Amino acid sequence: MSRTRRRRAWITLATLALILLSLRLFLASSYFDLHRNPTKKVIVVFRNDDIQEFSASADAYRFLQLFVENGIPQTYAVVPFKKDLTKDAVLVSLLKDQQARGLAEIALHGYAHENHAGKRRSEFAGRPLEEQWEKIRSGKAHLERIFQRNVVTFIPPFNSYDQQTLQACVRSGIQVLSSSHFFPIPNSFPIQVANLNFLLTDPASRVELASSHGGDLSIFIVYYHSYMEDIYRSDDYLGKAKRLIQVIRQHPNIEVDTLGSVALRHADYFRERITLDAWYSKASVFLEFFGQSSLREHLSRLYHCGEAKTGLFITLGLLYGSGLLFLGGFILGFPLAFLGHSFRLSGAWTSRILLALAALWSLWMIVMITHPRFGIIHMSLGTLSAGLLLHLFFRIPGRQA
């Protein structure tokens, strides 16, 4: 390899490192500090999935009683046909009692909570429209007969659905759908999508911080399964719930409501944030996976407080993380280029091989980006390989080689 190409590779490496250092310093600067907001409003929604698994144990009672004692409403996601609800008098009585007190919204949680999609895990995604409509229609009618209330909220099992699910919900009279914020589905239907964005095991300090910082409104949709208190004691579901309820009671600007009510009252809020929510979830996992815990922490504070600069931080955070991967791929090119040089291929053959690899990389990235489940692993591998390819292109021998 000529001295010119060697110098070009080292200059590129130094430039990349300098850019990444500058970007990291900017992300840690005061530009992204939280600002206090004394007029802030916070709404908390408790989404309790798979309540039909209620065990009637002392721990299960204690958990639900905690909410009743504090006048905290919940949205209960009920699977209509996984078990015969009409024979579960204890659960039905408990939910009806909370309904009468204004402390329960009954949401439709699929049909029988069965997986029809293999490893992707979904009861609805990919199924024919008529099949989805029939299951949603009959499940909704079944819950309405039992609880004598109109069901307006649908929560798909495994948090997985498609556009035909949205269409089937509209045909069935469902007004709100709540899923995960990782893979939002384009929604052109008259139904409100309000996805989860907070786990019960997340620190309650996030809600407390949001009560006095950031934008004018933060909504926390808290996702959990109350029956897990019986199974995973180390997660301390009861203790986390107590702490969060304590924070709510200590701050008069924090209110609690059910999922259907909040989604319909603040439709503009959810429509504006659905893309931000998805990119936040991907960016936070991306940063955590590659050892950028401090950046992930900063992002979480900005996001949950509703800071206007959250989107910019996500963009720069992804660029920084991607830059580290790109740099890693470029560095990986040093030993691979040395190994390739040992095969003593002609410049023409080296060029052909690299151009073929570049074409395959471009095709792969187009397929990945356009795929609805394009994720951080695809992005990471694509970025790493891009850095590697750039380094190898720098080292393509000339015609005289």
Protein backbone atom coordinates (compact mmCIF):
# COMPACT_ATOMS: atom_id res chain seq x y z
CA MET A 1 0.00 0.00 0.00
CA SER A 2 1.36 3.44 -0.92
CA ARG A 3 2.32 6.04 1.65
CA THR A 4 -0.44 8.33 0.32
CA ARG A 5 -3.17 5.77 0.99
CA ARG A 6 -1.74 5.01 4.42
CA ARG A 7 -1.72 8.70 5.31
CA ARG A 8 -5.28 9.10 4.01
CA ALA A 9 -6.50 6.30 6.28
CA TRP A 10 -4.85 7.78 9.38
CA ILE A 11 -6.15 11.29 8.61
CA THR A 12 -9.66 9.89 8.25
CA LEU A 13 -9.33 8.01 11.54
CA ALA A 14 -8.16 11.14 13.38
CA THR A 15 -10.95 13.26 11.83
CA LEU A 16 -13.62 10.77 12.86
CA ALA A 17 -12.27 10.65 16.41
CA LEU A 18 -12.24 14.47 16.64
CA ILE A 19 -15.82 14.73 15.35
CA LEU A 20 -17.04 12.13 17.85
CA LEU A 21 -15.28 13.87 20.73
CA SER A 22 -16.88 17.19 19.79
CA LEU A 23 -20.30 15.58 19.48
CA ARG A 24 -19.95 13.88 22.87
CA LEU A 25 -18.98 17.16 24.56
CA PHE A 26 -21.97 18.93 23.01
CA LEU A 27 -24.37 16.21 24.21
CA ALA A 28 -23.02 16.69 27.75
CA SER A 29 -23.21 20.49 27.59
CA SER A 30 -25.66 22.77 29.38
CA TYR A 31 -27.56 23.19 26.10
CA PHE A 32 -29.50 20.01 26.98
CA ASP A 33 -30.16 20.85 30.64
CA LEU A 34 -33.72 20.57 31.94
CA HIS A 35 -35.60 23.77 32.65
CA ARG A 36 -37.98 24.30 35.54
CA ASN A 37 -41.67 24.65 34.79
CA PRO A 38 -43.90 25.64 37.74
CA THR A 39 -47.09 25.26 35.65
CA LYS A 40 -46.31 21.71 34.55
CA LYS A 41 -49.11 19.12 34.31
CA VAL A 42 -48.48 15.39 34.59
CA ILE A 43 -50.94 12.53 33.96
CA VAL A 44 -50.27 8.95 34.99
CA VAL A 45 -52.13 5.97 33.52
CA PHE A 46 -51.83 2.49 35.05
CA ARG A 47 -52.21 -0.24 32.41
CA ASN A 48 -52.61 -3.59 34.19
CA ASP A 49 -52.37 -6.34 31.56
CA ASP A 50 -53.69 -9.94 31.76
CA ILE A 51 -55.79 -9.32 34.85
CA GLN A 52 -57.71 -12.53 34.10
CA GLU A 53 -54.65 -14.29 35.61
CA PHE A 54 -55.58 -12.82 39.01
CA SER A 55 -54.76 -15.52 41.54
CA ALA A 56 -56.86 -14.26 44.47
CA SER A 57 -53.79 -14.76 46.68
CA ALA A 58 -53.08 -12.49 49.62
CA ASP A 59 -50.34 -10.73 47.64
CA ALA A 60 -52.62 -10.18 44.63
CA TYR A 61 -55.32 -8.70 46.87
CA ARG A 62 -52.80 -6.52 48.66
CA PHE A 63 -51.53 -5.12 45.37
CA LEU A 64 -54.96 -4.16 44.01
CA GLN A 65 -56.16 -2.93 47.39
CA LEU A 66 -53.28 -0.46 47.42
CA PHE A 67 -54.84 1.34 44.45
CA VAL A 68 -58.34 1.25 45.91
CA GLU A 69 -57.19 2.68 49.25
CA ASN A 70 -55.54 5.59 47.47
CA GLY A 71 -58.37 6.18 45.00
CA ILE A 72 -56.09 5.38 42.04
CA PRO A 73 -57.89 4.15 38.88
CA GLN A 74 -56.45 1.48 36.60
CA THR A 75 -57.10 0.24 33.08
CA TYR A 76 -57.48 -3.54 33.26
CA ALA A 77 -56.60 -5.41 30.07
CA VAL A 78 -58.88 -8.46 30.08
CA VAL A 79 -58.57 -11.43 27.70
CA PRO A 80 -62.19 -12.46 27.01
CA PHE A 81 -61.78 -16.10 26.00
CA LYS A 82 -58.56 -17.41 27.55
CA LYS A 83 -60.68 -18.66 30.45
CA ASP A 84 -64.37 -18.66 31.30
CA LEU A 85 -64.74 -15.30 33.02
CA THR A 86 -68.34 -16.00 33.93
CA LYS A 87 -67.08 -18.68 36.33
CA ASP A 88 -64.52 -16.41 37.99
CA ALA A 89 -66.89 -14.72 40.40
CA VAL A 90 -64.09 -13.33 42.58
CA LEU A 91 -62.37 -11.44 39.75
CA VAL A 92 -65.59 -10.20 38.15
CA SER A 93 -66.91 -8.99 41.50
CA LEU A 94 -63.64 -7.21 42.25
CA LEU A 95 -63.60 -5.41 38.91
CA LYS A 96 -67.29 -4.49 39.08
CA ASP A 97 -66.77 -3.05 42.55
CA GLN A 98 -63.91 -0.88 41.28
CA GLN A 99 -66.01 0.16 38.29
CA ALA A 100 -68.73 1.38 40.65
CA ARG A 101 -66.13 3.49 42.48
CA GLY A 102 -64.80 4.95 39.22
CA LEU A 103 -61.50 3.13 39.65
CA ALA A 104 -61.53 0.69 36.72
CA GLU A 105 -61.66 0.79 32.96
CA ILE A 106 -62.12 -2.59 31.28
CA ALA A 107 -60.05 -2.86 28.09
CA LEU A 108 -60.19 -5.64 25.52
CA HIS A 109 -56.92 -7.58 25.49
CA GLY A 110 -57.18 -9.66 22.34
CA TYR A 111 -59.31 -12.76 22.01
CA ALA A 112 -57.63 -15.78 23.65
CA HIS A 113 -54.05 -14.43 23.88
CA GLU A 114 -52.78 -17.04 21.43
CA ASN A 115 -49.64 -16.70 19.33
CA HIS A 116 -50.16 -17.16 15.59
CA ALA A 117 -46.87 -15.66 14.41
CA GLY A 118 -44.09 -17.92 15.68
CA LYS A 119 -41.07 -16.07 17.05
CA ARG A 120 -42.62 -12.70 16.20
CA ARG A 121 -45.41 -13.45 18.69
CA SER A 122 -48.73 -11.96 17.69
CA GLU A 123 -52.37 -12.94 17.90
CA PHE A 124 -53.51 -10.40 15.30
CA ALA A 125 -50.70 -9.14 13.04
CA GLY A 126 -50.80 -10.84 9.66
CA ARG A 127 -54.26 -12.34 10.12
CA PRO A 128 -57.09 -11.63 7.59
CA LEU A 129 -59.17 -8.52 8.24
CA GLU A 130 -62.44 -10.44 8.63
CA GLU A 131 -60.89 -12.79 11.18
CA GLN A 132 -59.49 -9.87 13.19
CA TRP A 133 -62.80 -8.02 13.05
CA GLU A 134 -64.77 -11.06 14.24
CA LYS A 135 -62.44 -11.65 17.18
CA ILE A 136 -62.44 -8.01 18.27
CA ARG A 137 -66.20 -7.67 17.79
CA SER A 138 -67.06 -10.85 19.71
CA GLY A 139 -64.50 -10.21 22.46
CA LYS A 140 -65.78 -6.67 22.97
CA ALA A 141 -69.40 -7.85 23.11
CA HIS A 142 -68.49 -10.58 25.62
CA LEU A 143 -66.81 -8.13 28.03
CA GLU A 144 -69.66 -5.65 27.66
CA ARG A 145 -72.20 -8.35 28.60
CA ILE A 146 -70.23 -9.21 31.74
CA PHE A 147 -69.33 -5.72 32.94
CA GLN A 148 -72.27 -3.75 31.51
CA ARG A 149 -69.99 -0.96 30.26
CA ASN A 150 -68.97 0.16 26.81
CA VAL A 151 -65.44 -1.05 25.96
CA VAL A 152 -63.52 1.64 24.04
CA THR A 153 -59.89 0.49 24.45
CA PHE A 154 -58.11 -2.38 22.70
CA ILE A 155 -54.71 -3.70 23.83
CA PRO A 156 -53.30 -6.30 21.42
CA PRO A 157 -51.60 -9.33 22.99
CA PHE A 158 -47.80 -9.21 22.78
CA ASN A 159 -48.26 -5.52 21.88
CA SER A 160 -48.37 -6.60 18.24
CA TYR A 161 -50.82 -5.52 15.54
CA ASP A 162 -51.01 -4.27 11.96
CA GLN A 163 -53.06 -1.80 9.92
CA GLN A 164 -55.85 -4.34 9.48
CA THR A 165 -56.10 -4.49 13.28
CA LEU A 166 -56.70 -0.74 13.32
CA GLN A 167 -59.37 -1.10 10.64
CA ALA A 168 -61.02 -3.98 12.51
CA CYS A 169 -61.05 -1.91 15.71
CA VAL A 170 -62.78 1.00 13.98
CA ARG A 171 -65.42 -1.35 12.53
CA SER A 172 -66.01 -2.76 16.03
CA GLY A 173 -66.47 0.60 17.73
CA ILE A 174 -63.07 0.65 19.45
CA GLN A 175 -61.79 4.22 19.87
CA VAL A 176 -58.35 3.70 21.46
CA LEU A 177 -55.52 1.23 20.83
CA SER A 178 -52.56 0.88 23.17
CA SER A 179 -49.45 -1.09 22.28
CA SER A 180 -45.67 -0.80 22.53
CA HIS A 181 -43.81 2.27 21.32
CA PHE A 182 -41.04 0.25 19.64
CA PHE A 183 -42.77 -0.43 16.30
CA PRO A 184 -45.56 2.09 15.60
CA ILE A 185 -47.87 1.18 12.74
CA PRO A 186 -48.89 4.00 10.32
CA ASN A 187 -52.40 5.02 11.30
CA SER A 188 -54.78 6.66 8.86
CA PHE A 189 -57.93 5.47 10.65
CA PRO A 190 -60.20 7.37 13.08
CA ILE A 191 -58.75 5.62 16.15
CA GLN A 192 -56.42 7.05 18.77
CA VAL A 193 -53.12 5.21 19.41
CA ALA A 194 -51.66 5.73 22.89
CA ASN A 195 -48.70 3.44 23.50
CA LEU A 196 -47.03 2.48 26.76
CA ASN A 197 -43.89 4.44 27.65
CA PHE A 198 -43.09 3.54 31.26
CA LEU A 199 -42.67 0.35 33.30
CA LEU A 200 -43.80 0.03 36.89
CA THR A 201 -40.24 -1.02 37.72
CA ASP A 202 -38.85 2.24 36.30
CA PRO A 203 -37.84 4.79 38.96
CA ALA A 204 -40.69 6.90 40.29
CA SER A 205 -38.22 9.78 40.37
CA ARG A 206 -38.89 10.20 36.63
CA VAL A 207 -42.50 11.15 37.34
CA GLU A 208 -41.44 13.41 40.20
CA LEU A 209 -38.85 15.16 38.02
CA ALA A 210 -41.39 15.65 35.23
CA SER A 211 -43.79 17.29 37.69
CA SER A 212 -41.60 20.41 37.82
CA HIS A 213 -39.48 20.34 34.65
CA GLY A 214 -39.82 20.33 30.87
CA GLY A 215 -42.78 21.00 28.61
CA ASP A 216 -46.32 21.80 29.68
CA LEU A 217 -47.57 18.19 29.69
CA SER A 218 -46.10 14.75 30.34
CA ILE A 219 -48.19 11.59 30.18
CA PHE A 220 -46.88 8.34 31.66
CA ILE A 221 -48.60 5.13 30.55
CA VAL A 222 -47.34 2.66 33.15
CA TYR A 223 -47.27 -0.93 31.94
CA TYR A 224 -47.22 -3.96 34.25
CA HIS A 225 -48.84 -7.25 35.21
CA SER A 226 -50.03 -7.18 38.80
CA TYR A 227 -50.00 -10.99 39.07
CA MET A 228 -46.21 -10.85 38.67
CA GLU A 229 -46.08 -9.85 42.35
CA ASP A 230 -46.77 -13.53 43.09
CA ILE A 231 -44.03 -14.74 40.72
CA TYR A 232 -41.12 -12.31 40.61
CA ARG A 233 -40.70 -11.17 44.20
CA SER A 234 -37.29 -9.66 43.49
CA ASP A 235 -38.89 -7.04 41.22
CA ASP A 236 -40.82 -5.71 44.23
CA TYR A 237 -43.93 -4.72 42.28
CA LEU A 238 -45.75 -3.76 45.46
CA GLY A 239 -42.91 -1.57 46.69
CA LYS A 240 -42.54 0.16 43.32
CA ALA A 241 -46.29 0.79 43.16
CA LYS A 242 -46.26 2.25 46.68
CA ARG A 243 -43.42 4.59 45.80
CA LEU A 244 -45.09 5.80 42.61
CA ILE A 245 -48.43 6.36 44.35
CA GLN A 246 -46.61 8.28 47.08
CA VAL A 247 -45.08 10.60 44.47
CA ILE A 248 -48.51 11.11 42.88
CA ARG A 249 -50.12 12.03 46.20
CA GLN A 250 -47.34 14.45 47.11
CA HIS A 251 -47.71 16.57 43.97
CA PRO A 252 -51.07 18.24 43.29
CA ASN A 253 -50.24 18.79 39.61
CA ILE A 254 -50.06 15.01 38.99
CA GLU A 255 -53.38 13.40 38.14
CA VAL A 256 -54.31 9.79 37.40
CA ASP A 257 -56.87 8.65 34.85
CA THR A 258 -57.75 5.63 32.75
CA LEU A 259 -56.21 4.92 29.38
CA GLY A 260 -59.31 5.43 27.26
CA SER A 261 -60.16 8.73 28.91
CA VAL A 262 -56.65 10.18 28.65
CA ALA A 263 -56.14 9.06 25.05
CA LEU A 264 -59.37 10.71 23.91
CA ARG A 265 -58.87 13.88 25.95
CA HIS A 266 -55.31 14.42 24.73
CA ALA A 267 -55.47 13.08 21.20
CA ASP A 268 -53.20 15.81 19.80
CA TYR A 269 -50.51 14.99 22.37
CA PHE A 270 -50.35 11.34 21.34
CA ARG A 271 -50.50 12.07 17.61
CA GLU A 272 -47.57 14.46 17.92
CA ARG A 273 -45.45 12.08 20.01
CA ILE A 274 -45.93 8.70 18.35
CA THR A 275 -42.82 9.05 16.14
CA LEU A 276 -40.78 10.55 18.98
CA ASP A 277 -41.81 7.67 21.26
CA ALA A 278 -40.63 5.08 18.75
CA TRP A 279 -37.26 6.72 18.19
CA TYR A 280 -36.79 7.26 21.92
CA SER A 281 -37.25 3.56 22.58
CA LYS A 282 -34.79 2.60 19.84
CA ALA A 283 -32.25 5.24 20.83
CA SER A 284 -32.33 4.33 24.52
CA VAL A 285 -31.78 0.64 23.80
CA PHE A 286 -29.06 1.49 21.28
CA LEU A 287 -27.15 3.71 23.71
CA GLU A 288 -27.49 1.26 26.59
CA PHE A 289 -26.39 -1.69 24.46
CA PHE A 290 -23.19 0.08 23.44
CA GLY A 291 -22.24 1.21 26.92
CA GLN A 292 -23.51 4.80 26.75
CA SER A 293 -25.45 4.66 30.02
CA SER A 294 -24.91 8.32 30.89
CA LEU A 295 -26.33 9.44 27.54
CA ARG A 296 -29.28 7.09 27.94
CA GLU A 297 -29.95 8.54 31.41
CA HIS A 298 -29.85 12.08 30.06
CA LEU A 299 -32.17 11.12 27.20
CA SER A 300 -34.64 9.51 29.58
CA ARG A 301 -34.84 12.69 31.67
CA LEU A 302 -35.43 14.88 28.61
CA TYR A 303 -38.01 12.52 27.14
CA HIS A 304 -40.11 11.96 30.24
CA CYS A 305 -40.08 15.66 31.09
CA GLY A 306 -41.28 16.51 27.58
CA GLU A 307 -38.37 18.80 26.76
CA ALA A 308 -38.55 20.33 23.27
CA LYS A 309 -34.92 19.38 22.58
CA THR A 310 -35.55 15.65 23.05
CA GLY A 311 -35.74 15.02 19.30
CA LEU A 312 -32.42 16.77 18.69
CA PHE A 313 -30.77 14.80 21.48
CA ILE A 314 -32.07 11.54 20.00
CA THR A 315 -30.71 12.48 16.57
CA LEU A 316 -27.29 13.45 17.90
CA GLY A 317 -27.20 10.51 20.29
CA LEU A 318 -27.83 8.10 17.43
CA LEU A 319 -25.19 9.86 15.33
CA TYR A 320 -22.70 9.59 18.17
CA GLY A 321 -23.43 5.91 18.81
CA SER A 322 -23.38 5.19 15.09
CA GLY A 323 -20.15 7.15 14.77
CA LEU A 324 -18.52 4.94 17.39
CA LEU A 325 -19.59 1.87 15.43
CA PHE A 326 -18.43 3.39 12.16
CA LEU A 327 -15.08 4.19 13.76
CA GLY A 328 -14.89 0.63 15.09
CA GLY A 329 -15.53 -0.74 11.61
CA PHE A 330 -12.89 1.58 10.17
CA ILE A 331 -10.32 0.38 12.74
CA LEU A 332 -11.26 -3.22 11.99
CA GLY A 333 -10.23 -2.47 8.41
CA PHE A 334 -6.54 -2.22 9.37
CA PRO A 335 -5.97 -5.94 10.12
CA LEU A 336 -8.40 -7.04 7.38
CA ALA A 337 -6.63 -4.91 4.79
CA PHE A 338 -3.31 -6.39 5.88
CA LEU A 339 -4.79 -9.88 5.61
CA GLY A 340 -6.23 -9.12 2.17
CA HIS A 341 -2.91 -7.72 0.99
CA SER A 342 -1.26 -11.04 1.84
CA PHE A 343 -3.35 -12.76 -0.87
CA ARG A 344 -1.63 -10.51 -3.44
CA LEU A 345 -4.75 -9.97 -5.56
CA SER A 346 -4.46 -7.61 -8.48
CA GLY A 347 -5.93 -4.14 -8.23
CA ALA A 348 -8.64 -5.04 -10.73
CA TRP A 349 -9.79 -8.05 -8.74
CA THR A 350 -9.70 -6.14 -5.46
CA SER A 351 -11.83 -3.40 -7.00
CA ARG A 352 -14.38 -5.90 -8.31
CA ILE A 353 -14.68 -7.62 -4.93
CA LEU A 354 -15.13 -4.37 -3.04
CA LEU A 355 -17.67 -3.00 -5.51
CA ALA A 356 -19.67 -6.23 -5.21
CA LEU A 357 -19.57 -5.97 -1.41
CA ALA A 358 -20.66 -2.33 -1.59
CA ALA A 359 -23.57 -3.23 -3.87
CA LEU A 360 -24.67 -6.00 -1.50
CA TRP A 361 -24.38 -3.63 1.46
CA SER A 362 -26.51 -0.99 -0.30
CA LEU A 363 -29.20 -3.52 -1.18
CA TRP A 364 -29.20 -4.93 2.35
CA MET A 365 -29.58 -1.47 3.90
CA ILE A 366 -32.47 -0.56 1.56
CA VAL A 367 -34.30 -3.75 2.54
CA MET A 368 -33.63 -3.24 6.24
CA ILE A 369 -34.64 0.44 6.34
CA THR A 370 -37.89 -0.16 4.46
CA HIS A 371 -38.77 -3.15 6.64
CA PRO A 372 -41.32 -2.20 9.34
CA ARG A 373 -39.24 -3.92 12.02
CA PHE A 374 -35.94 -2.28 11.16
CA GLY A 375 -34.13 -2.10 14.50
CA ILE A 376 -30.92 -1.22 16.27
CA ILE A 377 -29.16 -4.50 15.45
CA HIS A 378 -29.65 -3.93 11.71
CA MET A 379 -28.58 -0.31 12.04
CA SER A 380 -25.51 -1.28 14.07
CA LEU A 381 -24.30 -3.96 11.69
CA GLY A 382 -24.89 -1.71 8.70
CA THR A 383 -22.93 1.15 10.27
CA LEU A 384 -20.06 -1.09 11.37
CA SER A 385 -19.74 -2.62 7.92
CA ALA A 386 -19.90 0.84 6.29
CA GLY A 387 -16.83 1.92 8.25
CA LEU A 388 -15.04 -1.27 7.27
CA LEU A 389 -15.90 -0.83 3.57
CA LEU A 390 -14.72 2.79 3.59
CA HIS A 391 -11.34 1.74 4.99
CA LEU A 392 -10.97 -1.01 2.40
CA PHE A 393 -11.87 1.38 -0.43
CA PHE A 394 -9.12 3.68 0.77
CA ARG A 395 -6.74 0.80 0.26
CA ILE A 396 -7.78 -0.28 -3.24
CA PRO A 397 -4.55 -0.69 -5.18
CA GLY A 398 -4.15 1.42 -8.27
CA ARG A 399 -3.99 0.08 -11.81
CA GLN A 400 -0.28 -0.36 -11.52
CA ALA A 401 -0.64 -2.82 -8.56
